[in-house]
Amino acid sequence: IHALLGGGLHQGQLTKITGQSSSGKTQVCLCSASHVAARQLGVVMYLDTSNSFSPSRIARIVDGFPVSLVTEPKNVRLERVMSRITCKSVFDIFDLFEVLHQLELSLKNKVNYGSSKICLLIIDSISTLPAPINGGKYPRGRSMMIQVAMILKKIADEHNLSILVTNHMVAGNGAPKPALGESWKTVSHVRLVISRERGSNICTAAVLKHTLL
């Protein structure tokens, strides 16, 4: 993914990853969080909407880091990485609005987490949040998700934050389609789609949109 995006996630940009269940979306999120935290680039805020955050998977990712990043005992390294990842459970869109409001205030007031500032916000998965609102199929759910998108882009732009969100697929006319619909195609700066071959661990990623490439 790092090479595919021409250097990874970019500051000030909203990146959206779409894919079906078990295609690898959460793995990309966990890898991104681990690498940002390990390289001490800043703090990662991880908003978990479906209990997908897994410290044990992060431990396996950290154990597989290249030798250049291995400068301390395993337990010390893992503790340092985990201290720079703040995970919050968010189970509906109203929780998300509140968390984003508090995040904006913290960023405006230059509040640090420990000795570092937030540099990456991850929401996995953002597309599950409007489901309780009329199934997410009606104007209220759509308009609230557009509000979320505008807030995210504002936060990314004003505070030079990288934002990574995941979006699942739903049944369409003949083929699966992104759950967030057409409106979010124009919202994100970068759009990726990932898929996994049936019965295989091989994943494929493709860039559908990238404002810098």
Protein backbone atom coordinates (compact mmCIF):
# COMPACT_ATOMS: atom_id res chain seq x y z
CA ILE A 1 0.00 0.00 0.00
CA HIS A 2 2.88 2.37 0.84
CA ALA A 3 4.36 1.99 -2.66
CA LEU A 4 0.94 2.03 -4.33
CA LEU A 5 0.14 5.43 -2.79
CA GLY A 6 3.48 6.93 -3.74
CA GLY A 7 4.80 7.13 -0.19
CA GLY A 8 1.87 6.03 1.95
CA LEU A 9 -0.80 8.15 3.59
CA HIS A 10 -0.38 11.88 3.06
CA GLN A 11 -0.97 14.60 5.63
CA GLY A 12 -4.03 16.75 5.03
CA GLN A 13 -5.77 14.03 3.03
CA LEU A 14 -8.73 11.71 3.53
CA THR A 15 -8.12 8.19 2.25
CA LYS A 16 -10.99 5.72 1.83
CA ILE A 17 -10.47 1.96 1.47
CA THR A 18 -13.38 -0.07 0.11
CA GLY A 19 -13.61 -3.83 0.06
CA GLN A 20 -15.78 -6.78 0.90
CA SER A 21 -15.69 -8.54 4.26
CA SER A 22 -12.33 -10.21 5.02
CA SER A 23 -10.62 -8.47 2.11
CA GLY A 24 -7.91 -6.95 4.35
CA LYS A 25 -9.27 -3.47 5.20
CA THR A 26 -8.71 -3.80 8.94
CA GLN A 27 -5.22 -5.25 8.37
CA VAL A 28 -4.27 -2.12 6.40
CA CYS A 29 -5.57 0.03 9.28
CA LEU A 30 -3.65 -1.93 11.92
CA CYS A 31 -0.46 -1.88 9.82
CA SER A 32 -0.77 1.86 9.24
CA ALA A 33 -1.31 2.53 12.95
CA SER A 34 1.61 0.30 13.92
CA HIS A 35 4.08 1.87 11.51
CA VAL A 36 3.15 5.46 12.41
CA ALA A 37 3.45 4.67 16.13
CA ALA A 38 6.70 2.70 15.74
CA ARG A 39 8.37 5.45 13.75
CA GLN A 40 7.30 7.97 16.41
CA LEU A 41 5.65 10.18 13.81
CA GLY A 42 2.87 11.04 16.26
CA VAL A 43 -0.19 9.59 17.96
CA VAL A 44 -2.80 7.50 16.14
CA MET A 45 -6.48 7.81 17.09
CA TYR A 46 -8.24 4.59 16.11
CA LEU A 47 -12.06 4.73 16.09
CA ASP A 48 -13.34 1.16 16.19
CA THR A 49 -16.98 0.70 15.15
CA SER A 50 -17.17 -3.08 15.05
CA ASN A 51 -14.73 -4.49 17.63
CA SER A 52 -12.07 -5.04 14.98
CA PHE A 53 -9.15 -3.45 16.86
CA SER A 54 -6.77 -6.19 17.98
CA PRO A 55 -3.65 -5.59 20.13
CA SER A 56 -2.53 -9.18 19.43
CA ARG A 57 -2.53 -8.51 15.68
CA ILE A 58 -0.57 -5.31 16.26
CA ALA A 59 1.94 -7.35 18.28
CA ARG A 60 2.40 -9.71 15.32
CA ILE A 61 2.84 -6.77 12.95
CA VAL A 62 5.44 -5.17 15.23
CA ASP A 63 7.30 -8.49 15.53
CA GLY A 64 7.59 -8.55 11.74
CA PHE A 65 9.14 -5.08 11.42
CA PRO A 66 12.43 -4.85 9.49
CA VAL A 67 15.68 -4.96 11.43
CA SER A 68 16.13 -1.19 11.05
CA LEU A 69 13.16 -0.63 13.36
CA VAL A 70 14.18 -3.26 15.91
CA THR A 71 16.31 -1.33 18.40
CA GLU A 72 14.88 -2.55 21.71
CA PRO A 73 13.44 -5.68 23.37
CA LYS A 74 10.11 -6.91 22.00
CA ASN A 75 8.06 -6.07 25.07
CA VAL A 76 9.51 -2.56 25.31
CA ARG A 77 8.93 -1.92 21.62
CA LEU A 78 5.33 -3.15 21.75
CA GLU A 79 4.57 -1.07 24.84
CA ARG A 80 5.98 2.01 23.12
CA VAL A 81 3.90 1.37 19.99
CA MET A 82 0.69 0.75 21.94
CA SER A 83 1.21 3.90 24.01
CA ARG A 84 0.96 5.92 20.80
CA ILE A 85 -2.30 4.32 19.62
CA THR A 86 -5.49 5.59 21.27
CA CYS A 87 -8.46 3.34 20.54
CA LYS A 88 -12.04 4.45 21.10
CA SER A 89 -15.17 2.37 20.51
CA VAL A 90 -17.77 4.21 18.42
CA PHE A 91 -21.03 2.36 17.83
CA ASP A 92 -23.29 4.94 16.18
CA ILE A 93 -23.07 8.11 14.19
CA PHE A 94 -23.98 10.29 17.18
CA ASP A 95 -20.98 8.91 19.10
CA LEU A 96 -18.84 9.74 16.07
CA PHE A 97 -20.05 13.35 15.96
CA GLU A 98 -19.17 13.73 19.64
CA VAL A 99 -15.70 12.18 19.25
CA LEU A 100 -14.94 14.36 16.22
CA HIS A 101 -16.12 17.46 18.09
CA GLN A 102 -13.82 16.66 21.00
CA LEU A 103 -10.97 15.92 18.59
CA GLU A 104 -11.42 19.29 16.89
CA LEU A 105 -11.28 21.06 20.24
CA SER A 106 -8.14 19.15 21.23
CA LEU A 107 -6.42 19.97 17.94
CA LYS A 108 -7.38 23.64 18.12
CA ASN A 109 -6.07 23.87 21.68
CA LYS A 110 -2.93 21.92 20.72
CA VAL A 111 -3.61 19.25 23.32
CA ASN A 112 -1.03 16.47 23.13
CA TYR A 113 -1.46 12.81 24.02
CA GLY A 114 1.59 12.15 26.13
CA SER A 115 4.34 14.13 24.42
CA SER A 116 3.02 13.80 20.87
CA LYS A 117 0.22 15.22 18.77
CA ILE A 118 -2.29 13.23 16.75
CA CYS A 119 -1.11 12.76 13.18
CA LEU A 120 -3.37 9.92 11.97
CA LEU A 121 -7.10 9.31 12.49
CA ILE A 122 -8.47 5.88 11.52
CA ILE A 123 -12.17 4.97 11.37
CA ASP A 124 -12.80 1.25 10.82
CA SER A 125 -15.49 0.96 9.53
CA ILE A 126 -17.25 4.23 8.88
CA SER A 127 -19.97 2.67 6.71
CA THR A 128 -21.51 0.69 9.58
CA LEU A 129 -22.47 3.82 11.53
CA PRO A 130 -25.58 5.03 9.66
CA ALA A 131 -27.14 1.55 9.62
CA PRO A 132 -29.48 2.16 12.61
CA ILE A 133 -30.82 5.32 10.97
CA ASN A 134 -33.52 3.87 8.72
CA GLY A 135 -31.04 1.30 7.50
CA GLY A 136 -28.82 4.08 6.17
CA LYS A 137 -30.90 4.13 2.96
CA TYR A 138 -32.88 7.31 3.44
CA PRO A 139 -32.08 11.03 3.26
CA ARG A 140 -31.40 11.46 6.99
CA GLY A 141 -28.68 8.83 7.03
CA ARG A 142 -27.12 10.09 3.80
CA SER A 143 -27.12 13.74 4.88
CA MET A 144 -25.52 12.89 8.23
CA MET A 145 -22.76 10.94 6.48
CA ILE A 146 -22.09 13.94 4.23
CA GLN A 147 -21.78 16.05 7.38
CA VAL A 148 -19.25 13.57 8.72
CA ALA A 149 -17.30 13.77 5.46
CA MET A 150 -17.16 17.57 5.59
CA ILE A 151 -15.95 17.52 9.21
CA LEU A 152 -13.24 15.00 8.36
CA LYS A 153 -11.99 17.01 5.39
CA LYS A 154 -12.00 20.18 7.52
CA ILE A 155 -9.98 18.49 10.28
CA ALA A 156 -7.52 17.02 7.77
CA ASP A 157 -7.00 20.36 6.04
CA GLU A 158 -6.83 22.67 9.06
CA HIS A 159 -4.63 20.42 11.21
CA ASN A 160 -2.60 18.63 8.53
CA LEU A 161 -3.95 15.28 9.69
CA SER A 162 -3.95 12.04 7.73
CA ILE A 163 -7.35 10.34 7.86
CA LEU A 164 -8.00 6.73 6.86
CA VAL A 165 -11.52 5.29 6.72
CA THR A 166 -12.84 1.92 5.60
CA ASN A 167 -16.04 1.26 3.71
CA HIS A 168 -17.64 -2.14 3.15
CA MET A 169 -19.46 -3.39 0.06
CA VAL A 170 -23.19 -4.05 -0.30
CA ALA A 171 -25.22 -5.93 -2.88
CA GLY A 172 -25.87 -3.98 -6.06
CA ASN A 173 -27.54 -4.63 -9.39
CA GLY A 174 -25.40 -7.49 -10.62
CA ALA A 175 -22.26 -6.57 -8.65
CA PRO A 176 -21.31 -5.39 -5.15
CA LYS A 177 -21.02 -1.64 -4.68
CA PRO A 178 -19.55 0.66 -1.98
CA ALA A 179 -21.91 1.09 0.98
CA LEU A 180 -21.47 4.85 1.20
CA GLY A 181 -22.72 5.38 -2.33
CA GLU A 182 -21.88 7.91 -5.02
CA SER A 183 -21.61 10.95 -2.75
CA TRP A 184 -18.43 9.74 -1.03
CA LYS A 185 -16.63 9.22 -4.34
CA THR A 186 -15.98 12.95 -4.55
CA VAL A 187 -15.38 13.43 -0.83
CA SER A 188 -12.13 11.52 -0.37
CA HIS A 189 -8.76 12.64 -1.76
CA VAL A 190 -7.69 9.03 -2.26
CA ARG A 191 -9.86 5.98 -3.01
CA LEU A 192 -8.58 2.43 -2.84
CA VAL A 193 -10.38 -0.82 -3.45
CA ILE A 194 -9.00 -4.08 -2.12
CA SER A 195 -10.11 -7.64 -2.72
CA ARG A 196 -9.06 -11.13 -1.71
CA GLU A 197 -9.09 -14.14 -3.99
CA ARG A 198 -11.56 -16.76 -2.78
CA GLY A 199 -9.83 -19.44 -0.72
CA SER A 200 -6.54 -17.54 -0.82
CA ASN A 201 -4.51 -15.12 1.30
CA ILE A 202 -3.60 -13.10 -1.78
CA CYS A 203 -5.01 -9.56 -1.70
CA THR A 204 -5.20 -7.13 -4.61
CA ALA A 205 -5.30 -3.35 -4.22
CA ALA A 206 -6.10 -0.74 -6.86
CA VAL A 207 -6.08 3.06 -6.77
CA LEU A 208 -9.33 4.52 -8.11
CA LYS A 209 -8.51 8.13 -7.27
CA HIS A 210 -5.45 10.00 -6.01
CA THR A 211 -5.15 13.79 -6.12
CA LEU A 212 -1.33 13.70 -6.04
CA LEU A 213 -0.68 10.96 -8.59
